[in-house]
Amino acid sequence: MYRDLLKVTQETVVQAQRVAERLDKVEVGDIMQLARAQSLASELRRNVELTGRVVSQTERRVLRGESVPATEKIVSIFEPHTDIIVKDRRDVLYGHKICLTAGASGIVTDVVVEQGNPADSTLAVKMIERQCAIFGKPPRQATFDGGFVSRANLEDIKLLGTKDVAFAKKCHLAISDMVKSTWVYRCLRNFRAGVEGIISFLKRSFDLTRCRLSGLASFKAHVSASVLACNLLVVARHLIARDA
């Protein structure tokens, strides 16, 4: 069955290539129609190239039994930049992993749209380095979700100048290794839980759960716009509370 489907797909691809070639040679008197024909030819060639990659990965995975790396897979012809995101034993998601950094004020100070599905543990130091670049100095305290935990991350972040570093999961790390007291650890852990509220707020009120625009650049613009709108609202609330 799979071989028959692949054969039909390959025949369709050949037909699409022929149509694109004919569109290149079409003669029309209207410049708008000519531009339309060229645009259709370009779009056909793009879809043919992506379909070829889908056929190739299908042959490798289904017919040859190969394990195709996630970085080589196409999961959407319409949005080929889409990444495969797997978290623990949860369902597979499609989109892009986003890293957020927020401060005590509730303002999101940094957002990064990651490529691929990097492990959280590989991102902790990078996020602190970005805070150093943004503010010119490291944060005095930092707290992370459990997926970011590792002794190497703890040591490297402290070398950057951050005094207290708390992870939601200890993973054989003593509290005294991370922070100066149990009370500080509890405060930072509670703050991290509060950041989950900021993420929920972004999803519920600023449509961060889904991007309806096309293309990676539009995806990043959607994320940035959602964070900017959220920050403006948070600043407005602080100003209202100050003047009340």
Protein backbone atom coordinates (compact mmCIF):
# COMPACT_ATOMS: atom_id res chain seq x y z
CA MET A 1 0.00 0.00 0.00
CA TYR A 2 2.77 2.43 0.94
CA ARG A 3 4.61 1.70 -2.31
CA ASP A 4 1.47 2.40 -4.33
CA LEU A 5 0.90 5.69 -2.51
CA LEU A 6 4.52 6.72 -3.08
CA LYS A 7 4.21 5.87 -6.78
CA VAL A 8 1.07 8.02 -7.13
CA THR A 9 2.77 10.87 -5.25
CA GLN A 10 5.85 10.70 -7.47
CA GLU A 11 3.68 10.77 -10.60
CA THR A 12 1.83 13.80 -9.26
CA VAL A 13 5.15 15.54 -8.57
CA VAL A 14 6.26 14.93 -12.18
CA GLN A 15 2.99 16.41 -13.46
CA ALA A 16 3.43 19.46 -11.21
CA GLN A 17 6.94 19.98 -12.59
CA ARG A 18 5.58 19.91 -16.14
CA VAL A 19 2.88 22.44 -15.25
CA ALA A 20 5.54 24.75 -13.76
CA GLU A 21 7.57 24.51 -16.97
CA ARG A 22 4.52 25.39 -19.06
CA LEU A 23 3.74 28.35 -16.83
CA ASP A 24 7.26 29.64 -17.44
CA LYS A 25 6.62 29.62 -21.19
CA VAL A 26 3.08 30.97 -21.14
CA GLU A 27 2.48 34.03 -23.30
CA VAL A 28 -0.09 36.53 -22.08
CA GLY A 29 -0.66 40.14 -22.94
CA ASP A 30 -1.59 41.25 -19.42
CA ILE A 31 1.39 41.93 -17.14
CA MET A 32 -0.69 40.99 -14.10
CA GLN A 33 -1.55 37.60 -15.59
CA LEU A 34 2.14 37.04 -16.40
CA ALA A 35 3.11 37.86 -12.80
CA ARG A 36 0.41 35.51 -11.57
CA ALA A 37 1.69 32.69 -13.80
CA GLN A 38 5.26 33.19 -12.56
CA SER A 39 4.08 33.22 -8.96
CA LEU A 40 2.18 29.95 -9.48
CA ALA A 41 5.24 28.37 -11.11
CA SER A 42 7.42 29.40 -8.18
CA GLU A 43 4.89 28.06 -5.68
CA LEU A 44 4.63 24.77 -7.56
CA ARG A 45 8.41 24.32 -7.55
CA ARG A 46 8.53 25.04 -3.83
CA ASN A 47 5.85 22.43 -3.13
CA VAL A 48 7.52 19.94 -5.45
CA GLU A 49 10.82 20.31 -3.57
CA LEU A 50 9.11 19.89 -0.19
CA THR A 51 7.04 16.94 -1.40
CA GLY A 52 10.24 15.30 -2.62
CA ARG A 53 11.67 15.59 0.87
CA VAL A 54 8.49 14.09 2.36
CA VAL A 55 8.67 11.17 -0.11
CA SER A 56 12.34 10.63 0.75
CA GLN A 57 11.77 10.57 4.50
CA THR A 58 8.77 8.26 4.05
CA GLU A 59 10.84 5.80 2.00
CA ARG A 60 13.60 5.86 4.60
CA ARG A 61 11.29 5.46 7.60
CA VAL A 62 8.53 3.15 6.32
CA LEU A 63 10.19 1.09 3.59
CA ARG A 64 13.80 0.91 4.80
CA GLY A 65 13.14 1.06 8.54
CA GLU A 66 15.60 3.92 9.09
CA SER A 67 15.34 6.38 11.97
CA VAL A 68 15.06 9.82 10.36
CA PRO A 69 16.47 12.60 12.59
CA ALA A 70 13.89 15.21 13.60
CA THR A 71 16.02 17.95 12.02
CA GLU A 72 15.61 16.29 8.61
CA LYS A 73 11.85 15.77 8.81
CA ILE A 74 9.18 17.86 7.12
CA VAL A 75 5.97 17.73 9.14
CA SER A 76 4.12 20.47 7.26
CA ILE A 77 4.44 21.43 3.59
CA PHE A 78 2.60 24.68 4.29
CA GLU A 79 4.83 25.55 7.28
CA PRO A 80 8.11 23.67 6.66
CA HIS A 81 9.87 25.47 9.52
CA THR A 82 7.68 23.60 12.03
CA ASP A 83 9.62 21.64 14.67
CA ILE A 84 8.65 18.40 16.42
CA ILE A 85 8.43 19.02 20.16
CA VAL A 86 8.40 16.11 22.59
CA LYS A 87 8.28 16.64 26.36
CA ASP A 88 8.75 13.57 28.55
CA ARG A 89 5.92 11.12 27.89
CA ARG A 90 3.42 13.73 26.78
CA ASP A 91 1.85 13.95 23.35
CA VAL A 92 3.99 15.09 20.43
CA LEU A 93 3.46 18.77 19.60
CA TYR A 94 4.29 20.73 16.48
CA GLY A 95 5.52 24.30 16.47
CA HIS A 96 8.50 25.91 18.16
CA LYS A 97 9.87 25.83 21.69
CA ILE A 98 9.82 29.26 23.34
CA CYS A 99 12.01 30.31 26.28
CA LEU A 100 10.73 33.15 28.46
CA THR A 101 12.53 35.10 31.18
CA ALA A 102 10.51 37.25 33.57
CA GLY A 103 11.42 39.53 36.44
CA ALA A 104 9.89 40.21 39.85
CA SER A 105 7.73 42.96 38.32
CA GLY A 106 5.94 40.43 36.11
CA ILE A 107 7.49 41.91 32.98
CA VAL A 108 8.91 39.46 30.45
CA THR A 109 12.51 40.57 30.00
CA ASP A 110 13.49 38.17 27.24
CA VAL A 111 11.91 35.71 24.80
CA VAL A 112 13.66 33.32 22.43
CA VAL A 113 12.10 31.15 19.72
CA GLU A 114 14.35 28.08 19.64
CA GLN A 115 15.20 26.00 16.58
CA GLY A 116 14.52 22.28 16.83
CA ASN A 117 13.76 20.69 20.19
CA PRO A 118 16.81 21.43 22.39
CA ALA A 119 16.75 19.97 25.88
CA ASP A 120 15.92 22.51 28.58
CA SER A 121 19.16 21.63 30.35
CA THR A 122 21.12 23.07 27.40
CA LEU A 123 19.36 26.45 27.60
CA ALA A 124 19.78 27.59 31.22
CA VAL A 125 23.23 29.15 30.91
CA LYS A 126 22.35 30.79 27.59
CA MET A 127 19.32 32.52 29.10
CA ILE A 128 21.41 33.98 31.93
CA GLU A 129 24.06 35.10 29.43
CA ARG A 130 21.34 36.90 27.50
CA GLN A 131 20.25 38.67 30.70
CA CYS A 132 23.86 39.78 31.19
CA ALA A 133 23.90 41.17 27.63
CA ILE A 134 20.54 42.93 28.05
CA PHE A 135 21.14 44.52 31.46
CA GLY A 136 24.93 44.65 31.57
CA LYS A 137 25.09 42.44 34.66
CA PRO A 138 23.83 39.03 35.82
CA PRO A 139 20.64 38.71 37.87
CA ARG A 140 21.31 38.39 41.59
CA GLN A 141 18.93 35.42 41.81
CA ALA A 142 17.49 33.03 39.23
CA THR A 143 15.03 30.17 39.33
CA PHE A 144 14.30 27.52 36.71
CA ASP A 145 11.87 24.73 35.93
CA GLY A 146 12.97 21.21 36.80
CA GLY A 147 14.02 20.38 33.24
CA PHE A 148 16.89 22.90 33.42
CA VAL A 149 18.59 21.29 36.40
CA SER A 150 22.17 20.02 36.32
CA ARG A 151 25.21 20.56 38.48
CA ALA A 152 27.11 21.93 35.49
CA ASN A 153 24.39 24.54 34.91
CA LEU A 154 24.46 25.51 38.58
CA GLU A 155 28.23 25.99 38.56
CA ASP A 156 28.34 27.85 35.24
CA ILE A 157 25.53 30.24 36.21
CA LYS A 158 27.19 31.04 39.52
CA LEU A 159 30.44 31.70 37.66
CA LEU A 160 28.55 34.34 35.69
CA GLY A 161 27.85 36.12 38.97
CA THR A 162 24.37 34.99 40.00
CA LYS A 163 24.37 34.38 43.77
CA ASP A 164 21.31 32.16 44.23
CA VAL A 165 20.18 29.62 41.61
CA ALA A 166 17.12 27.49 42.37
CA PHE A 167 15.79 24.58 40.31
CA ALA A 168 12.28 23.22 40.82
CA LYS A 169 13.78 19.71 40.99
CA LYS A 170 16.85 19.24 43.15
CA CYS A 171 18.23 16.20 41.22
CA HIS A 172 20.84 15.32 43.88
CA LEU A 173 21.69 18.98 44.46
CA ALA A 174 21.62 20.22 48.05
CA ILE A 175 19.70 23.40 48.77
CA SER A 176 22.85 24.82 50.33
CA ASP A 177 24.63 24.32 46.99
CA MET A 178 21.99 26.33 45.14
CA VAL A 179 21.04 29.13 47.54
CA LYS A 180 22.07 30.59 50.87
CA SER A 181 19.06 29.35 52.87
CA THR A 182 15.96 27.19 52.73
CA TRP A 183 13.83 30.33 52.99
CA VAL A 184 15.45 31.79 49.84
CA TYR A 185 14.94 28.51 48.01
CA ARG A 186 11.26 28.47 48.97
CA CYS A 187 10.81 32.08 47.81
CA LEU A 188 12.47 31.42 44.47
CA ARG A 189 10.48 28.23 43.97
CA ASN A 190 7.26 30.13 44.62
CA PHE A 191 8.37 32.86 42.20
CA ARG A 192 8.90 30.25 39.49
CA ALA A 193 5.34 29.05 40.07
CA GLY A 194 4.26 32.66 39.56
CA VAL A 195 6.02 32.76 36.21
CA GLU A 196 3.80 29.84 35.16
CA GLY A 197 0.94 32.28 35.73
CA ILE A 198 2.55 34.77 33.33
CA ILE A 199 2.81 32.04 30.69
CA SER A 200 -0.84 31.14 31.23
CA PHE A 201 -1.76 34.84 30.94
CA LEU A 202 0.10 35.06 27.61
CA LYS A 203 -1.72 32.01 26.31
CA ARG A 204 -5.19 33.02 27.47
CA SER A 205 -5.16 36.75 26.78
CA PHE A 206 -2.59 37.23 24.02
CA ASP A 207 -3.07 34.13 21.86
CA LEU A 208 0.39 32.69 22.44
CA THR A 209 -0.93 29.15 22.02
CA ARG A 210 -1.31 29.42 18.24
CA CYS A 211 0.09 31.53 15.43
CA ARG A 212 -2.30 32.05 12.52
CA LEU A 213 0.30 33.74 10.33
CA SER A 214 2.47 31.99 7.75
CA GLY A 215 6.24 31.66 7.86
CA LEU A 216 8.91 31.55 10.56
CA ALA A 217 9.42 35.33 10.52
CA SER A 218 5.68 35.83 11.09
CA PHE A 219 5.75 33.26 13.89
CA LYS A 220 8.53 35.16 15.66
CA ALA A 221 6.71 38.46 15.10
CA HIS A 222 3.55 36.98 16.62
CA VAL A 223 5.46 35.83 19.71
CA SER A 224 7.19 39.21 20.12
CA ALA A 225 3.93 41.11 19.66
CA SER A 226 2.18 38.94 22.26
CA VAL A 227 4.97 39.54 24.80
CA LEU A 228 5.05 43.29 24.05
CA ALA A 229 1.29 43.62 24.51
CA CYS A 230 1.49 41.70 27.78
CA ASN A 231 4.34 43.88 29.06
CA LEU A 232 2.48 47.08 28.18
CA LEU A 233 -0.53 45.90 30.16
CA VAL A 234 1.65 44.96 33.14
CA VAL A 235 3.35 48.39 33.06
CA ALA A 236 -0.03 50.11 32.86
CA ARG A 237 -1.26 48.19 35.90
CA HIS A 238 1.86 49.17 37.86
CA LEU A 239 1.33 52.85 36.95
CA ILE A 240 -2.33 52.73 37.97
CA ALA A 241 -1.44 51.08 41.29
CA ARG A 242 1.28 53.69 41.91
CA ASP A 243 -1.05 56.63 41.28
CA ALA A 244 -4.02 55.18 43.16
